[in-house]
Structures are given as structure tokens and as C-alpha cells.
Amino acid sequence: MYARDNVADANDLQQHLPSDEEVEAATDMLRMLADGTRLRLMCLLSTGEHDVTTLVQALGVARPAVSQHLGKLRLAGLVIMRRDGRRALYRARGGHVRRLVSEVIQAASHRVTGAPEHD
């Protein structure tokens, strides 16, 4: 095998790379999930809509902290909010985000328990 043979392969591989904007958005999203409180929030928000009071009670975290984390998650595009009267209801944005959260938790569970990986 010659070195020039790998050049064509590298060019072919580059076509499968995401754009710089996509990589930046993805790393922002993953950075948000790298915080334990935000990951727990995302687990709850992946199950449906919840208001801040419910999230505070479920997590046992101060209301201002939950609100701040929700704001960061919204800015990262992981969470959406809608108003119901005076209440703000939050949920995970779409199936891709819910699956991302589910997959990372399942992968962590396999790592912690030693369960075999899936293909």
C-alpha cells in the first residue's frame, strides 16, 4: 500500500464530517450535559413537561439554581418552554435530544454495572 492510496480515502472521509457550525452546536450541547444537575434536569424533561416548582422538588435544588440551569439549557437548544397562564412549562426539545439523554444514561449504566454493550 502506498501513502497516496490513503489520500483518496482521507478525502472521501472528509465528506462525512459535520460542518464547523454543526460541531460547534454539538459541543455546546454536550458541554451543557456535562453538569450533573443539568443532566438530571434533562432526564426529567425527557419524560414530559414540568414547571420549575416540580423540578425543584424532584431535584432538591434551590429554585434560582434550577432556573439558571434551565436558562442555559434553553440557550443551548436542549429545552423549550411554553407558557400556561402564569406558569412556565419546560420540556426536552424533540426526539434527538431525548434520545441523546437516554443513550448517554444507558451507556453510563453499562459502564457502572459492567453490562455488555449493544450494537
Protein backbone atom coordinates (compact mmCIF):
# COMPACT_ATOMS: atom_id res chain seq x y z
CA MET A 1 0.00 0.00 0.00
CA TYR A 2 1.29 3.44 -0.91
CA ALA A 3 0.86 6.66 1.06
CA ARG A 4 -1.03 8.19 -1.89
CA ASP A 5 -3.68 5.46 -1.53
CA ASN A 6 -4.60 6.90 1.87
CA VAL A 7 -5.05 10.41 0.42
CA ALA A 8 -8.10 9.41 -1.58
CA ASP A 9 -9.51 7.66 1.45
CA ALA A 10 -8.96 10.75 3.62
CA ASN A 11 -10.75 12.96 1.08
CA ASP A 12 -13.64 10.53 0.97
CA LEU A 13 -13.80 10.54 4.76
CA GLN A 14 -13.87 14.34 4.90
CA GLN A 15 -17.20 14.29 3.07
CA HIS A 16 -18.68 12.51 6.11
CA LEU A 17 -17.53 15.17 8.58
CA PRO A 18 -20.10 17.58 10.00
CA SER A 19 -19.76 21.29 9.27
CA ASP A 20 -17.91 23.59 11.67
CA GLU A 21 -21.25 25.07 12.74
CA GLU A 22 -22.67 21.62 13.48
CA VAL A 23 -19.61 20.65 15.52
CA GLU A 24 -19.79 23.90 17.49
CA ALA A 25 -23.51 23.41 18.23
CA ALA A 26 -22.93 19.78 19.23
CA THR A 27 -20.07 20.62 21.58
CA ASP A 28 -22.20 23.36 23.18
CA MET A 29 -24.97 20.82 23.76
CA LEU A 30 -22.61 18.22 25.18
CA ARG A 31 -20.97 20.82 27.42
CA MET A 32 -24.40 21.59 28.90
CA LEU A 33 -24.99 17.90 29.61
CA ALA A 34 -21.61 17.61 31.36
CA ASP A 35 -23.12 19.10 34.53
CA GLY A 36 -24.85 16.64 36.88
CA THR A 37 -27.76 18.92 37.75
CA ARG A 38 -28.44 19.77 34.12
CA LEU A 39 -28.24 16.12 33.10
CA ARG A 40 -30.74 15.22 35.84
CA LEU A 41 -32.99 18.06 34.65
CA MET A 42 -32.79 16.71 31.12
CA CYS A 43 -33.75 13.23 32.33
CA LEU A 44 -36.87 14.69 33.94
CA LEU A 45 -37.68 16.93 30.98
CA SER A 46 -37.34 13.98 28.61
CA THR A 47 -40.40 12.43 30.28
CA GLY A 48 -42.68 15.41 29.55
CA GLU A 49 -43.47 18.97 30.57
CA HIS A 50 -42.70 20.20 34.07
CA ASP A 51 -42.81 23.54 35.83
CA VAL A 52 -39.97 24.94 37.93
CA THR A 53 -41.66 24.12 41.24
CA THR A 54 -41.97 20.44 40.30
CA LEU A 55 -38.37 20.32 39.11
CA VAL A 56 -37.12 21.98 42.32
CA GLN A 57 -38.97 19.41 44.43
CA ALA A 58 -37.77 16.47 42.34
CA LEU A 59 -34.11 17.53 42.35
CA GLY A 60 -33.89 19.06 45.81
CA VAL A 61 -32.00 22.02 44.33
CA ALA A 62 -32.69 25.70 45.06
CA ARG A 63 -35.18 27.41 42.77
CA PRO A 64 -32.71 30.05 41.49
CA ALA A 65 -30.23 27.31 40.55
CA VAL A 66 -32.88 25.34 38.65
CA SER A 67 -34.00 28.48 36.82
CA GLN A 68 -30.40 29.31 35.89
CA HIS A 69 -29.76 25.79 34.60
CA LEU A 70 -32.99 25.86 32.58
CA GLY A 71 -31.91 29.14 31.00
CA LYS A 72 -28.58 27.65 29.95
CA LEU A 73 -30.29 24.55 28.55
CA ARG A 74 -32.67 26.76 26.57
CA LEU A 75 -29.80 28.79 25.13
CA ALA A 76 -28.08 25.57 24.07
CA GLY A 77 -31.24 24.46 22.27
CA LEU A 78 -31.85 21.45 24.50
CA VAL A 79 -35.02 22.69 26.22
CA ILE A 80 -38.11 24.55 25.10
CA MET A 81 -40.55 26.48 27.25
CA ARG A 82 -44.20 27.37 26.83
CA ARG A 83 -46.49 29.45 28.98
CA ASP A 84 -49.67 28.12 30.53
CA GLY A 85 -51.15 31.20 32.16
CA ARG A 86 -48.52 32.36 34.62
CA ARG A 87 -46.73 29.02 34.71
CA ALA A 88 -43.73 28.26 32.53
CA LEU A 89 -43.59 24.65 31.40
CA TYR A 90 -40.33 23.13 30.19
CA ARG A 91 -39.57 20.01 28.18
CA ALA A 92 -36.71 18.48 26.22
CA ARG A 93 -36.56 19.68 22.63
CA GLY A 94 -37.50 16.88 20.26
CA GLY A 95 -36.68 13.23 19.83
CA HIS A 96 -33.00 13.70 19.03
CA VAL A 97 -32.37 15.42 22.35
CA ARG A 98 -34.45 12.88 24.31
CA ARG A 99 -32.58 10.01 22.66
CA LEU A 100 -29.22 11.67 23.33
CA VAL A 101 -30.03 11.93 27.03
CA SER A 102 -31.37 8.38 27.15
CA GLU A 103 -28.36 6.93 25.32
CA VAL A 104 -25.78 8.67 27.49
CA ILE A 105 -27.55 7.47 30.65
CA GLN A 106 -27.77 3.93 29.28
CA ALA A 107 -24.09 3.97 28.26
CA ALA A 108 -23.18 5.17 31.77
CA SER A 109 -25.30 2.42 33.29
CA HIS A 110 -23.44 -0.19 31.23
CA ARG A 111 -20.13 1.27 32.35
CA VAL A 112 -21.15 1.32 36.03
CA THR A 113 -22.74 -2.14 36.07
CA GLY A 114 -20.34 -3.84 33.66
CA ALA A 115 -23.25 -4.95 31.46
CA PRO A 116 -22.23 -5.83 27.89
CA GLU A 117 -22.58 -3.17 25.21
CA HIS A 118 -25.19 -3.31 22.43
CA ASP A 119 -24.51 -2.92 18.73
